[in-house]
Amino acid sequence: MFPSHQHEIGAIAFQLLASLDEYEVGMDQLVHEAWDGALYQSTTDCFDRMRNYAGAMPRLSAAWIELLIRRFELMAHLWERMGSSERTDRFAELSPNHIDAIRGLRTQVLRYLPKSS
């Protein structure tokens, strides 16, 4: 990264972290509460914003792809279970993997924040 771009990348990293927090809270609600179409849409919009932010930081590629895969797996399972209160062993496996992917991305994004003097 060029020194002249550090401030811009730092600002994008802060935005990505804020969106990641919002996304995590929304996904937690989707996973543990009744299905809510508006909440699903807002987490999808948040995910789209995160995609734009992550694109500005190429070193996030692996962590971003991991989250993308884990989100897809979790959402596919949630769609299959919509209208059912049944939780399966597969769900118990998917949810922690998704959380781990969120944490992994967060760890990578923190490396882009400016170092305090």
PDB file of N, CA and C in Angstrom:
ATOM      1  N   MET A   1       0.849  -1.167   0.000  1.00  0.00           N
ATOM      2  CA  MET A   1       0.000   0.000   0.000  1.00  0.00           C
ATOM      3  C   MET A   1       0.896   1.232   0.000  1.00  0.00           C
ATOM      4  N   PHE A   2       0.550   2.170  -0.843  1.00  0.00           N
ATOM      5  CA  PHE A   2       1.301   3.415  -0.903  1.00  0.00           C
ATOM      6  C   PHE A   2       1.012   4.243   0.346  1.00  0.00           C
ATOM      7  N   PRO A   3       2.039   4.898   0.893  1.00  0.00           N
ATOM      8  CA  PRO A   3       1.817   5.716   2.094  1.00  0.00           C
ATOM      9  C   PRO A   3       0.715   6.754   1.897  1.00  0.00           C
ATOM     10  N   SER A   4       0.577   7.276   0.696  1.00  0.00           N
ATOM     11  CA  SER A   4      -0.440   8.307   0.449  1.00  0.00           C
ATOM     12  C   SER A   4      -1.861   7.749   0.516  1.00  0.00           C
ATOM     13  N   HIS A   5      -1.999   6.424   0.483  1.00  0.00           N
ATOM     14  CA  HIS A   5      -3.327   5.808   0.512  1.00  0.00           C
ATOM     15  C   HIS A   5      -3.694   5.256   1.883  1.00  0.00           C
ATOM     16  N   GLN A   6      -2.788   5.356   2.838  1.00  0.00           N
ATOM     17  CA  GLN A   6      -3.029   4.768   4.149  1.00  0.00           C
ATOM     18  C   GLN A   6      -4.267   5.334   4.831  1.00  0.00           C
ATOM     19  N   HIS A   7      -4.483   6.637   4.719  1.00  0.00           N
ATOM     20  CA  HIS A   7      -5.644   7.253   5.376  1.00  0.00           C
ATOM     21  C   HIS A   7      -6.945   6.778   4.736  1.00  0.00           C
ATOM     22  N   GLU A   8      -6.959   6.683   3.422  1.00  0.00           N
ATOM     23  CA  GLU A   8      -8.164   6.230   2.730  1.00  0.00           C
ATOM     24  C   GLU A   8      -8.472   4.775   3.080  1.00  0.00           C
ATOM     25  N   ILE A   9      -7.440   3.948   3.055  1.00  0.00           N
ATOM     26  CA  ILE A   9      -7.631   2.535   3.380  1.00  0.00           C
ATOM     27  C   ILE A   9      -8.045   2.377   4.844  1.00  0.00           C
ATOM     28  N   GLY A  10      -7.472   3.181   5.722  1.00  0.00           N
ATOM     29  CA  GLY A  10      -7.873   3.146   7.130  1.00  0.00           C
ATOM     30  C   GLY A  10      -9.339   3.500   7.302  1.00  0.00           C
ATOM     31  N   ALA A  11      -9.805   4.497   6.569  1.00  0.00           N
ATOM     32  CA  ALA A  11     -11.213   4.899   6.644  1.00  0.00           C
ATOM     33  C   ALA A  11     -12.122   3.787   6.122  1.00  0.00           C
ATOM     34  N   ILE A  12     -11.705   3.152   5.046  1.00  0.00           N
ATOM     35  CA  ILE A  12     -12.494   2.041   4.498  1.00  0.00           C
ATOM     36  C   ILE A  12     -12.512   0.888   5.489  1.00  0.00           C
ATOM     37  N   ALA A  13     -11.390   0.633   6.138  1.00  0.00           N
ATOM     38  CA  ALA A  13     -11.321  -0.440   7.135  1.00  0.00           C
ATOM     39  C   ALA A  13     -12.296  -0.169   8.279  1.00  0.00           C
ATOM     40  N   PHE A  14     -12.368   1.076   8.749  1.00  0.00           N
ATOM     41  CA  PHE A  14     -13.321   1.426   9.806  1.00  0.00           C
ATOM     42  C   PHE A  14     -14.757   1.181   9.336  1.00  0.00           C
ATOM     43  N   GLN A  15     -15.057   1.557   8.096  1.00  0.00           N
ATOM     44  CA  GLN A  15     -16.399   1.338   7.558  1.00  0.00           C
ATOM     45  C   GLN A  15     -16.712  -0.152   7.450  1.00  0.00           C
ATOM     46  N   LEU A  16     -15.717  -0.917   7.016  1.00  0.00           N
ATOM     47  CA  LEU A  16     -15.909  -2.362   6.912  1.00  0.00           C
ATOM     48  C   LEU A  16     -16.146  -2.975   8.288  1.00  0.00           C
ATOM     49  N   LEU A  17     -15.393  -2.555   9.275  1.00  0.00           N
ATOM     50  CA  LEU A  17     -15.589  -3.078  10.631  1.00  0.00           C
ATOM     51  C   LEU A  17     -16.980  -2.743  11.160  1.00  0.00           C
ATOM     52  N   ALA A  18     -17.435  -1.520  10.932  1.00  0.00           N
ATOM     53  CA  ALA A  18     -18.770  -1.130  11.384  1.00  0.00           C
ATOM     54  C   ALA A  18     -19.840  -1.968  10.683  1.00  0.00           C
ATOM     55  N   SER A  19     -19.676  -2.162   9.384  1.00  0.00           N
ATOM     56  CA  SER A  19     -20.635  -2.978   8.639  1.00  0.00           C
ATOM     57  C   SER A  19     -20.577  -4.435   9.076  1.00  0.00           C
ATOM     58  N   LEU A  20     -19.395  -4.920   9.371  1.00  0.00           N
ATOM     59  CA  LEU A  20     -19.235  -6.301   9.829  1.00  0.00           C
ATOM     60  C   LEU A  20     -19.944  -6.506  11.168  1.00  0.00           C
ATOM     61  N   ASP A  21     -19.844  -5.526  12.054  1.00  0.00           N
ATOM     62  CA  ASP A  21     -20.560  -5.606  13.332  1.00  0.00           C
ATOM     63  C   ASP A  21     -22.072  -5.631  13.104  1.00  0.00           C
ATOM     64  N   GLU A  22     -22.550  -4.757  12.236  1.00  0.00           N
ATOM     65  CA  GLU A  22     -23.981  -4.700  11.912  1.00  0.00           C
ATOM     66  C   GLU A  22     -24.442  -6.023  11.301  1.00  0.00           C
ATOM     67  N   TYR A  23     -23.654  -6.549  10.392  1.00  0.00           N
ATOM     68  CA  TYR A  23     -23.964  -7.814   9.738  1.00  0.00           C
ATOM     69  C   TYR A  23     -24.021  -8.953  10.758  1.00  0.00           C
ATOM     70  N   GLU A  24     -23.045  -8.994  11.657  1.00  0.00           N
ATOM     71  CA  GLU A  24     -23.002 -10.071  12.648  1.00  0.00           C
ATOM     72  C   GLU A  24     -24.242 -10.045  13.547  1.00  0.00           C
ATOM     73  N   VAL A  25     -24.653  -8.870  13.984  1.00  0.00           N
ATOM     74  CA  VAL A  25     -25.836  -8.741  14.833  1.00  0.00           C
ATOM     75  C   VAL A  25     -27.079  -9.193  14.059  1.00  0.00           C
ATOM     76  N   GLY A  26     -27.208  -8.742  12.816  1.00  0.00           N
ATOM     77  CA  GLY A  26     -28.358  -9.128  12.005  1.00  0.00           C
ATOM     78  C   GLY A  26     -28.416 -10.618  11.739  1.00  0.00           C
ATOM     79  N   MET A  27     -27.266 -11.218  11.426  1.00  0.00           N
ATOM     80  CA  MET A  27     -27.237 -12.654  11.166  1.00  0.00           C
ATOM     81  C   MET A  27     -27.547 -13.440  12.435  1.00  0.00           C
ATOM     82  N   ASP A  28     -27.071 -12.962  13.568  1.00  0.00           N
ATOM     83  CA  ASP A  28     -27.372 -13.629  14.828  1.00  0.00           C
ATOM     84  C   ASP A  28     -28.879 -13.642  15.068  1.00  0.00           C
ATOM     85  N   GLN A  29     -29.540 -12.533  14.765  1.00  0.00           N
ATOM     86  CA  GLN A  29     -30.995 -12.474  14.913  1.00  0.00           C
ATOM     87  C   GLN A  29     -31.684 -13.421  13.935  1.00  0.00           C
ATOM     88  N   LEU A  30     -31.220 -13.463  12.688  1.00  0.00           N
ATOM     89  CA  LEU A  30     -31.817 -14.366  11.712  1.00  0.00           C
ATOM     90  C   LEU A  30     -31.681 -15.827  12.133  1.00  0.00           C
ATOM     91  N   VAL A  31     -30.551 -16.159  12.706  1.00  0.00           N
ATOM     92  CA  VAL A  31     -30.278 -17.541  13.091  1.00  0.00           C
ATOM     93  C   VAL A  31     -31.091 -17.949  14.315  1.00  0.00           C
ATOM     94  N   HIS A  32     -31.252 -17.046  15.266  1.00  0.00           N
ATOM     95  CA  HIS A  32     -31.842 -17.422  16.554  1.00  0.00           C
ATOM     96  C   HIS A  32     -33.283 -16.980  16.758  1.00  0.00           C
ATOM     97  N   GLU A  33     -33.830 -16.198  15.855  1.00  0.00           N
ATOM     98  CA  GLU A  33     -35.210 -15.729  16.017  1.00  0.00           C
ATOM     99  C   GLU A  33     -36.029 -16.157  14.812  1.00  0.00           C
ATOM    100  N   ALA A  34     -37.293 -15.832  14.823  1.00  0.00           N
ATOM    101  CA  ALA A  34     -38.173 -16.165  13.704  1.00  0.00           C
ATOM    102  C   ALA A  34     -37.715 -15.426  12.441  1.00  0.00           C
ATOM    103  N   TRP A  35     -37.977 -16.029  11.302  1.00  0.00           N
ATOM    104  CA  TRP A  35     -37.580 -15.438  10.022  1.00  0.00           C
ATOM    105  C   TRP A  35     -38.205 -14.061   9.863  1.00  0.00           C
ATOM    106  N   ASP A  36     -37.405 -13.120   9.402  1.00  0.00           N
ATOM    107  CA  ASP A  36     -37.848 -11.747   9.184  1.00  0.00           C
ATOM    108  C   ASP A  36     -37.293 -11.296   7.843  1.00  0.00           C
ATOM    109  N   GLY A  37     -38.184 -11.121   6.873  1.00  0.00           N
ATOM    110  CA  GLY A  37     -37.762 -10.742   5.526  1.00  0.00           C
ATOM    111  C   GLY A  37     -37.037  -9.405   5.477  1.00  0.00           C
ATOM    112  N   ALA A  38     -37.492  -8.442   6.276  1.00  0.00           N
ATOM    113  CA  ALA A  38     -36.845  -7.129   6.294  1.00  0.00           C
ATOM    114  C   ALA A  38     -35.435  -7.230   6.880  1.00  0.00           C
ATOM    115  N   LEU A  39     -35.289  -8.042   7.898  1.00  0.00           N
ATOM    116  CA  LEU A  39     -33.959  -8.238   8.496  1.00  0.00           C
ATOM    117  C   LEU A  39     -33.040  -8.951   7.509  1.00  0.00           C
ATOM    118  N   TYR A  40     -33.589  -9.936   6.805  1.00  0.00           N
ATOM    119  CA  TYR A  40     -32.793 -10.622   5.779  1.00  0.00           C
ATOM    120  C   TYR A  40     -32.302  -9.622   4.737  1.00  0.00           C
ATOM    121  N   GLN A  41     -33.192  -8.741   4.298  1.00  0.00           N
ATOM    122  CA  GLN A  41     -32.811  -7.749   3.286  1.00  0.00           C
ATOM    123  C   GLN A  41     -31.761  -6.782   3.817  1.00  0.00           C
ATOM    124  N   SER A  42     -31.898  -6.361   5.060  1.00  0.00           N
ATOM    125  CA  SER A  42     -30.921  -5.416   5.604  1.00  0.00           C
ATOM    126  C   SER A  42     -29.548  -6.082   5.781  1.00  0.00           C
ATOM    127  N   THR A  43     -29.517  -7.374   6.167  1.00  0.00           N
ATOM    128  CA  THR A  43     -28.216  -8.042   6.271  1.00  0.00           C
ATOM    129  C   THR A  43     -27.620  -8.282   4.890  1.00  0.00           C
ATOM    130  N   THR A  44     -28.452  -8.518   3.901  1.00  0.00           N
ATOM    131  CA  THR A  44     -27.963  -8.674   2.531  1.00  0.00           C
ATOM    132  C   THR A  44     -27.389  -7.351   2.019  1.00  0.00           C
ATOM    133  N   ASP A  45     -28.082  -6.257   2.293  1.00  0.00           N
ATOM    134  CA  ASP A  45     -27.570  -4.933   1.904  1.00  0.00           C
ATOM    135  C   ASP A  45     -26.243  -4.646   2.599  1.00  0.00           C
ATOM    136  N   CYS A  46     -26.156  -4.996   3.859  1.00  0.00           N
ATOM    137  CA  CYS A  46     -24.922  -4.802   4.623  1.00  0.00           C
ATOM    138  C   CYS A  46     -23.797  -5.638   4.020  1.00  0.00           C
ATOM    139  N   PHE A  47     -24.095  -6.873   3.656  1.00  0.00           N
ATOM    140  CA  PHE A  47     -23.101  -7.750   3.042  1.00  0.00           C
ATOM    141  C   PHE A  47     -22.604  -7.159   1.722  1.00  0.00           C
ATOM    142  N   ASP A  48     -23.510  -6.580   0.949  1.00  0.00           N
ATOM    143  CA  ASP A  48     -23.121  -5.944  -0.317  1.00  0.00           C
ATOM    144  C   ASP A  48     -22.181  -4.760  -0.074  1.00  0.00           C
ATOM    145  N   ARG A  49     -22.458  -3.969   0.954  1.00  0.00           N
ATOM    146  CA  ARG A  49     -21.555  -2.858   1.299  1.00  0.00           C
ATOM    147  C   ARG A  49     -20.181  -3.394   1.694  1.00  0.00           C
ATOM    148  N   MET A  50     -20.186  -4.461   2.479  1.00  0.00           N
ATOM    149  CA  MET A  50     -18.919  -5.046   2.910  1.00  0.00           C
ATOM    150  C   MET A  50     -18.115  -5.539   1.709  1.00  0.00           C
ATOM    151  N   ARG A  51     -18.789  -6.086   0.726  1.00  0.00           N
ATOM    152  CA  ARG A  51     -18.103  -6.568  -0.479  1.00  0.00           C
ATOM    153  C   ARG A  51     -17.364  -5.420  -1.159  1.00  0.00           C
ATOM    154  N   ASN A  52     -18.000  -4.269  -1.242  1.00  0.00           N
ATOM    155  CA  ASN A  52     -17.351  -3.104  -1.849  1.00  0.00           C
ATOM    156  C   ASN A  52     -16.136  -2.655  -1.043  1.00  0.00           C
ATOM    157  N   TYR A  53     -16.271  -2.616   0.274  1.00  0.00           N
ATOM    158  CA  TYR A  53     -15.155  -2.219   1.123  1.00  0.00           C
ATOM    159  C   TYR A  53     -14.012  -3.218   1.018  1.00  0.00           C
ATOM    160  N   ALA A  54     -14.334  -4.500   1.078  1.00  0.00           N
ATOM    161  CA  ALA A  54     -13.302  -5.541   1.034  1.00  0.00           C
ATOM    162  C   ALA A  54     -12.550  -5.515  -0.289  1.00  0.00           C
ATOM    163  N   GLY A  55     -13.217  -5.109  -1.355  1.00  0.00           N
ATOM    164  CA  GLY A  55     -12.567  -5.037  -2.659  1.00  0.00           C
ATOM    165  C   GLY A  55     -11.424  -4.033  -2.700  1.00  0.00           C
ATOM    166  N   ALA A  56     -11.449  -3.078  -1.807  1.00  0.00           N
ATOM    167  CA  ALA A  56     -10.384  -2.065  -1.758  1.00  0.00           C
ATOM    168  C   ALA A  56      -9.147  -2.568  -1.020  1.00  0.00           C
ATOM    169  N   MET A  57      -9.263  -3.745  -0.408  1.00  0.00           N
ATOM    170  CA  MET A  57      -8.161  -4.298   0.387  1.00  0.00           C
ATOM    171  C   MET A  57      -7.862  -5.714  -0.088  1.00  0.00           C
ATOM    172  N   PRO A  58      -7.019  -5.851  -1.094  1.00  0.00           N
ATOM    173  CA  PRO A  58      -6.780  -7.155  -1.718  1.00  0.00           C
ATOM    174  C   PRO A  58      -6.282  -8.249  -0.775  1.00  0.00           C
ATOM    175  N   ARG A  59      -5.599  -7.872   0.296  1.00  0.00           N
ATOM    176  CA  ARG A  59      -5.102  -8.892   1.219  1.00  0.00           C
ATOM    177  C   ARG A  59      -6.222  -9.559   2.011  1.00  0.00           C
ATOM    178  N   LEU A  60      -7.439  -9.076   1.860  1.00  0.00           N
ATOM    179  CA  LEU A  60      -8.581  -9.680   2.545  1.00  0.00           C
ATOM    180  C   LEU A  60      -9.212 -10.801   1.725  1.00  0.00           C
ATOM    181  N   SER A  61      -8.718 -11.037   0.530  1.00  0.00           N
ATOM    182  CA  SER A  61      -9.380 -11.962  -0.390  1.00  0.00           C
ATOM    183  C   SER A  61      -9.713 -13.311   0.235  1.00  0.00           C
ATOM    184  N   ALA A  62      -8.748 -13.957   0.858  1.00  0.00           N
ATOM    185  CA  ALA A  62      -8.990 -15.290   1.418  1.00  0.00           C
ATOM    186  C   ALA A  62     -10.037 -15.242   2.534  1.00  0.00           C
ATOM    187  N   ALA A  63      -9.928 -14.273   3.438  1.00  0.00           N
ATOM    188  CA  ALA A  63     -10.890 -14.153   4.538  1.00  0.00           C
ATOM    189  C   ALA A  63     -12.272 -13.795   4.004  1.00  0.00           C
ATOM    190  N   TRP A  64     -12.315 -12.954   2.974  1.00  0.00           N
ATOM    191  CA  TRP A  64     -13.600 -12.570   2.386  1.00  0.00           C
ATOM    192  C   TRP A  64     -14.269 -13.771   1.722  1.00  0.00           C
ATOM    193  N   ILE A  65     -13.511 -14.539   0.982  1.00  0.00           N
ATOM    194  CA  ILE A  65     -14.062 -15.719   0.304  1.00  0.00           C
ATOM    195  C   ILE A  65     -14.548 -16.740   1.326  1.00  0.00           C
ATOM    196  N   GLU A  66     -13.817 -16.879   2.415  1.00  0.00           N
ATOM    197  CA  GLU A  66     -14.249 -17.781   3.483  1.00  0.00           C
ATOM    198  C   GLU A  66     -15.610 -17.349   4.030  1.00  0.00           C
ATOM    199  N   LEU A  67     -15.784 -16.064   4.282  1.00  0.00           N
ATOM    200  CA  LEU A  67     -17.067 -15.567   4.778  1.00  0.00           C
ATOM    201  C   LEU A  67     -18.154 -15.755   3.726  1.00  0.00           C
ATOM    202  N   LEU A  68     -17.844 -15.498   2.499  1.00  0.00           N
ATOM    203  CA  LEU A  68     -18.813 -15.671   1.410  1.00  0.00           C
ATOM    204  C   LEU A  68     -19.316 -17.114   1.361  1.00  0.00           C
ATOM    205  N   ILE A  69     -18.414 -18.063   1.449  1.00  0.00           N
ATOM    206  CA  ILE A  69     -18.788 -19.483   1.424  1.00  0.00           C
ATOM    207  C   ILE A  69     -19.630 -19.841   2.648  1.00  0.00           C
ATOM    208  N   ARG A  70     -19.184 -19.419   3.817  1.00  0.00           N
ATOM    209  CA  ARG A  70     -19.909 -19.748   5.056  1.00  0.00           C
ATOM    210  C   ARG A  70     -21.290 -19.107   5.083  1.00  0.00           C
ATOM    211  N   ARG A  71     -21.405 -17.900   4.547  1.00  0.00           N
ATOM    212  CA  ARG A  71     -22.717 -17.241   4.465  1.00  0.00           C
ATOM    213  C   ARG A  71     -23.636 -18.028   3.543  1.00  0.00           C
ATOM    214  N   PHE A  72     -23.112 -18.424   2.404  1.00  0.00           N
ATOM    215  CA  PHE A  72     -23.921 -19.187   1.452  1.00  0.00           C
ATOM    216  C   PHE A  72     -24.426 -20.479   2.099  1.00  0.00           C
ATOM    217  N   GLU A  73     -23.539 -21.207   2.761  1.00  0.00           N
ATOM    218  CA  GLU A  73     -23.933 -22.459   3.402  1.00  0.00           C
ATOM    219  C   GLU A  73     -25.004 -22.231   4.470  1.00  0.00           C
ATOM    220  N   LEU A  74     -24.793 -21.224   5.298  1.00  0.00           N
ATOM    221  CA  LEU A  74     -25.737 -20.943   6.373  1.00  0.00           C
ATOM    222  C   LEU A  74     -27.085 -20.497   5.814  1.00  0.00           C
ATOM    223  N   MET A  75     -27.067 -19.609   4.832  1.00  0.00           N
ATOM    224  CA  MET A  75     -28.326 -19.124   4.268  1.00  0.00           C
ATOM    225  C   MET A  75     -29.082 -20.240   3.554  1.00  0.00           C
ATOM    226  N   ALA A  76     -28.367 -21.108   2.853  1.00  0.00           N
ATOM    227  CA  ALA A  76     -29.028 -22.233   2.186  1.00  0.00           C
ATOM    228  C   ALA A  76     -29.740 -23.102   3.218  1.00  0.00           C
ATOM    229  N   HIS A  77     -29.095 -23.339   4.338  1.00  0.00           N
ATOM    230  CA  HIS A  77     -29.710 -24.141   5.386  1.00  0.00           C
ATOM    231  C   HIS A  77     -30.905 -23.405   6.005  1.00  0.00           C
ATOM    232  N   LEU A  78     -30.765 -22.109   6.229  1.00  0.00           N
ATOM    233  CA  LEU A  78     -31.885 -21.349   6.794  1.00  0.00           C
ATOM    234  C   LEU A  78     -33.084 -21.359   5.852  1.00  0.00           C
ATOM    235  N   TRP A  79     -32.824 -21.226   4.554  1.00  0.00           N
ATOM    236  CA  TRP A  79     -33.915 -21.255   3.573  1.00  0.00           C
ATOM    237  C   TRP A  79     -34.617 -22.611   3.600  1.00  0.00           C
ATOM    238  N   GLU A  80     -33.840 -23.698   3.716  1.00  0.00           N
ATOM    239  CA  GLU A  80     -34.422 -25.036   3.770  1.00  0.00           C
ATOM    240  C   GLU A  80     -35.292 -25.209   5.009  1.00  0.00           C
ATOM    241  N   ARG A  81     -34.892 -24.598   6.097  1.00  0.00           N
ATOM    242  CA  ARG A  81     -35.589 -24.756   7.372  1.00  0.00           C
ATOM    243  C   ARG A  81     -36.647 -23.680   7.621  1.00  0.00           C
ATOM    244  N   MET A  82     -36.840 -22.762   6.678  1.00  0.00           N
ATOM    245  CA  MET A  82     -37.805 -21.683   6.883  1.00  0.00           C
ATOM    246  C   MET A  82     -39.181 -22.279   7.206  1.00  0.00           C
ATOM    247  N   GLY A  83     -39.793 -21.755   8.234  1.00  0.00           N
ATOM    248  CA  GLY A  83     -41.105 -22.232   8.638  1.00  0.00           C
ATOM    249  C   GLY A  83     -41.054 -23.427   9.577  1.00  0.00           C
ATOM    250  N   SER A  84     -39.865 -23.918   9.853  1.00  0.00           N
ATOM    251  CA  SER A  84     -39.713 -25.045  10.756  1.00  0.00           C
ATOM    252  C   SER A  84     -38.887 -24.600  11.955  1.00  0.00           C
ATOM    253  N   SER A  85     -39.272 -25.037  13.122  1.00  0.00           N
ATOM    254  CA  SER A  85     -38.490 -24.691  14.313  1.00  0.00           C
ATOM    255  C   SER A  85     -37.375 -25.710  14.545  1.00  0.00           C
ATOM    256  N   GLU A  86     -37.325 -26.739  13.703  1.00  0.00           N
ATOM    257  CA  GLU A  86     -36.328 -27.792  13.849  1.00  0.00           C
ATOM    258  C   GLU A  86     -34.932 -27.278  13.497  1.00  0.00           C
ATOM    259  N   ARG A  87     -34.002 -27.537  14.374  1.00  0.00           N
ATOM    260  CA  ARG A  87     -32.591 -27.236  14.129  1.00  0.00           C
ATOM    261  C   ARG A  87     -31.870 -28.568  14.004  1.00  0.00           C
ATOM    262  N   THR A  88     -31.018 -28.680  13.033  1.00  0.00           N
ATOM    263  CA  THR A  88     -30.344 -29.948  12.792  1.00  0.00           C
ATOM    264  C   THR A  88     -28.892 -29.884  13.231  1.00  0.00           C
ATOM    265  N   ASP A  89     -28.256 -31.050  13.221  1.00  0.00           N
ATOM    266  CA  ASP A  89     -26.828 -31.101  13.531  1.00  0.00           C
ATOM    267  C   ASP A  89     -26.044 -30.281  12.516  1.00  0.00           C
ATOM    268  N   ARG A  90     -26.497 -30.259  11.276  1.00  0.00           N
ATOM    269  CA  ARG A  90     -25.823 -29.488  10.234  1.00  0.00           C
ATOM    270  C   ARG A  90     -25.854 -28.002  10.598  1.00  0.00           C
ATOM    271  N   PHE A  91     -26.963 -27.543  11.118  1.00  0.00           N
ATOM    272  CA  PHE A  91     -27.074 -26.149  11.533  1.00  0.00           C
ATOM    273  C   PHE A  91     -26.090 -25.852  12.656  1.00  0.00           C
ATOM    274  N   ALA A  92     -25.966 -26.772  13.607  1.00  0.00           N
ATOM    275  CA  ALA A  92     -25.032 -26.587  14.721  1.00  0.00           C
ATOM    276  C   ALA A  92     -23.600 -26.492  14.213  1.00  0.00           C
ATOM    277  N   GLU A  93     -23.309 -27.133  13.097  1.00  0.00           N
ATOM    278  CA  GLU A  93     -21.981 -27.063  12.494  1.00  0.00           C
ATOM    279  C   GLU A  93     -21.797 -25.771  11.699  1.00  0.00           C
ATOM    280  N   LEU A  94     -22.817 -25.345  10.989  1.00  0.00           N
ATOM    281  CA  LEU A  94     -22.705 -24.185  10.099  1.00  0.00           C
ATOM    282  C   LEU A  94     -22.591 -22.864  10.837  1.00  0.00           C
ATOM    283  N   SER A  95     -23.361 -22.688  11.870  1.00  0.00           N
ATOM    284  CA  SER A  95     -23.384 -21.406  12.567  1.00  0.00           C
ATOM    285  C   SER A  95     -22.023 -21.036  13.166  1.00  0.00           C
ATOM    286  N   PRO A  96     -21.353 -21.934  13.883  1.00  0.00           N
ATOM    287  CA  PRO A  96     -20.020 -21.586  14.403  1.00  0.00           C
ATOM    288  C   PRO A  96     -19.004 -21.321  13.291  1.00  0.00           C
ATOM    289  N   ASN A  97     -19.116 -22.040  12.172  1.00  0.00           N
ATOM    290  CA  ASN A  97     -18.211 -21.799  11.051  1.00  0.00           C
ATOM    291  C   ASN A  97     -18.399 -20.393  10.493  1.00  0.00           C
ATOM    292  N   HIS A  98     -19.643 -19.959  10.447  1.00  0.00           N
ATOM    293  CA  HIS A  98     -19.948 -18.613   9.964  1.00  0.00           C
ATOM    294  C   HIS A  98     -19.379 -17.573  10.927  1.00  0.00           C
ATOM    295  N   ILE A  99     -19.554 -17.795  12.206  1.00  0.00           N
ATOM    296  CA  ILE A  99     -19.020 -16.875  13.217  1.00  0.00           C
ATOM    297  C   ILE A  99     -17.494 -16.831  13.132  1.00  0.00           C
ATOM    298  N   ASP A 100     -16.871 -17.987  12.960  1.00  0.00           N
ATOM    299  CA  ASP A 100     -15.406 -18.025  12.819  1.00  0.00           C
ATOM    300  C   ASP A 100     -14.947 -17.240  11.597  1.00  0.00           C
ATOM    301  N   ALA A 101     -15.708 -17.324  10.506  1.00  0.00           N
ATOM    302  CA  ALA A 101     -15.354 -16.579   9.291  1.00  0.00           C
ATOM    303  C   ALA A 101     -15.476 -15.075   9.527  1.00  0.00           C
ATOM    304  N   ILE A 102     -16.489 -14.658  10.270  1.00  0.00           N
ATOM    305  CA  ILE A 102     -16.647 -13.239  10.613  1.00  0.00           C
ATOM    306  C   ILE A 102     -15.451 -12.779  11.445  1.00  0.00           C
ATOM    307  N   ARG A 103     -15.096 -13.558  12.425  1.00  0.00           N
ATOM    308  CA  ARG A 103     -13.958 -13.205  13.292  1.00  0.00           C
ATOM    309  C   ARG A 103     -12.650 -13.177  12.502  1.00  0.00           C
ATOM    310  N   GLY A 104     -12.487 -14.121  11.587  1.00  0.00           N
ATOM    311  CA  GLY A 104     -11.278 -14.146  10.769  1.00  0.00           C
ATOM    312  C   GLY A 104     -11.154 -12.915   9.904  1.00  0.00           C
ATOM    313  N   LEU A 105     -12.269 -12.498   9.305  1.00  0.00           N
ATOM    314  CA  LEU A 105     -12.256 -11.287   8.488  1.00  0.00           C
ATOM    315  C   LEU A 105     -11.966 -10.073   9.361  1.00  0.00           C
ATOM    316  N   ARG A 106     -12.598 -10.010  10.517  1.00  0.00           N
ATOM    317  CA  ARG A 106     -12.375  -8.876  11.429  1.00  0.00           C
ATOM    318  C   ARG A 106     -10.885  -8.771  11.793  1.00  0.00           C
ATOM    319  N   THR A 107     -10.263  -9.887  12.085  1.00  0.00           N
ATOM    320  CA  THR A 107      -8.834  -9.900  12.426  1.00  0.00           C
ATOM    321  C   THR A 107      -7.999  -9.343  11.284  1.00  0.00           C
ATOM    322  N   GLN A 108      -8.318  -9.741  10.064  1.00  0.00           N
ATOM    323  CA  GLN A 108      -7.576  -9.261   8.896  1.00  0.00           C
ATOM    324  C   GLN A 108      -7.795  -7.758   8.671  1.00  0.00           C
ATOM    325  N   VAL A 109      -9.022  -7.299   8.859  1.00  0.00           N
ATOM    326  CA  VAL A 109      -9.326  -5.874   8.652  1.00  0.00           C
ATOM    327  C   VAL A 109      -8.588  -5.020   9.669  1.00  0.00           C
ATOM    328  N   LEU A 110      -8.483  -5.498  10.896  1.00  0.00           N
ATOM    329  CA  LEU A 110      -7.798  -4.725  11.940  1.00  0.00           C
ATOM    330  C   LEU A 110      -6.347  -4.409  11.568  1.00  0.00           C
ATOM    331  N   ARG A 111      -5.763  -5.232  10.736  1.00  0.00           N
ATOM    332  CA  ARG A 111      -4.378  -4.993  10.294  1.00  0.00           C
ATOM    333  C   ARG A 111      -4.271  -3.782   9.376  1.00  0.00           C
ATOM    334  N   TYR A 112      -5.357  -3.349   8.829  1.00  0.00           N
ATOM    335  CA  TYR A 112      -5.361  -2.168   7.936  1.00  0.00           C
ATOM    336  C   TYR A 112      -5.522  -0.866   8.691  1.00  0.00           C
ATOM    337  N   LEU A 113      -5.869  -0.935   9.962  1.00  0.00           N
ATOM    338  CA  LEU A 113      -6.083   0.301  10.724  1.00  0.00           C
ATOM    339  C   LEU A 113      -4.744   0.968  10.987  1.00  0.00           C
ATOM    340  N   PRO A 114      -4.761   2.303  11.001  1.00  0.00           N
ATOM    341  CA  PRO A 114      -3.508   3.039  11.258  1.00  0.00           C
ATOM    342  C   PRO A 114      -3.001   2.717  12.664  1.00  0.00           C
ATOM    343  N   LYS A 115      -1.704   2.616  12.755  1.00  0.00           N
ATOM    344  CA  LYS A 115      -1.065   2.376  14.049  1.00  0.00           C
ATOM    345  C   LYS A 115      -1.004   3.696  14.812  1.00  0.00           C
ATOM    346  N   SER A 116      -1.354   3.631  16.094  1.00  0.00           N
ATOM    347  CA  SER A 116      -1.265   4.855  16.896  1.00  0.00           C
ATOM    348  C   SER A 116       0.173   5.045  17.347  1.00  0.00           C
ATOM    349  N   SER A 117       0.562   6.306  17.454  1.00  0.00           N
ATOM    350  CA  SER A 117       1.946   6.622  17.814  1.00  0.00           C
ATOM    351  C   SER A 117       2.161   6.639  19.278  1.00  0.00           C
TER     352      SER A 117
END
